[in-house]
């Protein structure tokens, strides 16, 4: 995928299928402050156990994303 295809989903709950076949769900965040040619994205999900830290999957650019879809109907994807 390209950054232009991913950017409309920033700040929204998403379900992402990665190039390696994994599926992650959570709120999509953008961090383009690194200045080395691509944006970094993070999919942030609720903690696995109560009182734990949120789960964060950092993506180096849009390239690792095969499919991104709205997951606003999935309570597990809402941060």
Protein backbone atom coordinates (compact mmCIF):
# COMPACT_ATOMS: atom_id res chain seq x y z
CA UNK A 1 0.00 0.00 0.00
CA UNK A 2 0.96 3.65 -0.19
CA UNK A 3 0.89 6.37 2.45
CA UNK A 4 -1.92 8.06 0.52
CA UNK A 5 -4.06 4.91 0.85
CA UNK A 6 -3.34 4.55 4.57
CA UNK A 7 -3.61 8.19 5.74
CA UNK A 8 -7.46 8.39 5.61
CA UNK A 9 -7.50 5.79 8.42
CA UNK A 10 -5.26 7.71 10.85
CA UNK A 11 -6.95 8.18 14.22
CA UNK A 12 -9.57 5.53 13.45
CA UNK A 13 -10.06 1.92 14.53
CA UNK A 14 -8.70 -0.39 11.85
CA UNK A 15 -8.09 -4.02 11.05
CA UNK A 16 -4.81 -4.45 9.16
CA UNK A 17 -3.60 -7.51 7.29
CA UNK A 18 0.18 -7.40 7.05
CA UNK A 19 2.37 -8.77 4.28
CA UNK A 20 3.51 -11.59 6.59
CA UNK A 21 -0.11 -12.73 7.06
CA UNK A 22 -0.65 -11.40 10.57
CA UNK A 23 -3.80 -9.42 11.33
CA UNK A 24 -3.70 -6.61 13.89
CA UNK A 25 -6.54 -4.39 15.07
CA UNK A 26 -6.55 -1.13 16.98
CA UNK A 27 -6.40 2.61 16.49
CA UNK A 28 -4.02 3.76 13.74
CA UNK A 29 -1.53 6.47 14.69
CA UNK A 30 0.97 8.34 12.49
CA UNK A 31 4.51 9.39 13.36
CA UNK A 32 6.20 11.07 10.42
CA UNK A 33 8.84 12.86 12.48
CA UNK A 34 11.66 10.44 11.68
CA UNK A 35 12.57 12.11 8.40
CA UNK A 36 14.01 9.12 6.59
CA UNK A 37 11.76 8.71 3.60
CA UNK A 38 8.67 7.03 4.95
CA UNK A 39 6.05 7.50 7.64
CA UNK A 40 5.83 5.26 10.66
CA UNK A 41 2.45 3.98 11.73
CA UNK A 42 1.40 2.36 14.98
CA UNK A 43 -1.67 0.21 15.55
CA UNK A 44 -2.53 0.54 19.25
CA UNK A 45 -4.80 -2.02 20.93
CA UNK A 46 -6.10 -2.44 24.46
CA UNK A 47 -3.84 -4.21 26.96
CA UNK A 48 -3.91 -8.00 26.82
CA UNK A 49 -4.51 -8.17 30.57
CA UNK A 50 -6.21 -5.70 32.87
CA UNK A 51 -3.86 -3.01 34.11
CA UNK A 52 -1.27 -3.82 31.44
CA UNK A 53 0.22 -1.62 28.79
CA UNK A 54 -1.49 -1.14 25.42
CA UNK A 55 -0.24 -3.39 22.63
CA UNK A 56 1.58 -1.42 19.93
CA UNK A 57 2.51 -2.73 16.48
CA UNK A 58 4.86 -0.26 14.75
CA UNK A 59 4.86 -0.32 10.96
CA UNK A 60 7.77 1.20 9.04
CA UNK A 61 5.91 2.76 6.16
CA UNK A 62 2.76 1.62 4.39
CA UNK A 63 4.57 -1.15 2.50
CA UNK A 64 3.97 -3.91 5.09
CA UNK A 65 0.19 -3.33 4.86
CA UNK A 66 -1.65 -5.57 2.41
CA UNK A 67 -5.20 -4.67 3.47
CA UNK A 68 -6.54 -1.97 5.78
CA UNK A 69 -10.21 -1.73 6.68
CA UNK A 70 -12.46 0.21 9.01
CA UNK A 71 -13.00 -1.62 12.30
CA UNK A 72 -15.19 0.91 14.08
CA UNK A 73 -17.77 -1.85 14.63
CA UNK A 74 -15.20 -3.98 16.52
CA UNK A 75 -14.93 -2.97 20.21
CA UNK A 76 -11.56 -4.73 20.42
CA UNK A 77 -10.14 -2.35 17.82
CA UNK A 78 -11.24 0.86 19.57
CA UNK A 79 -8.44 2.29 21.71
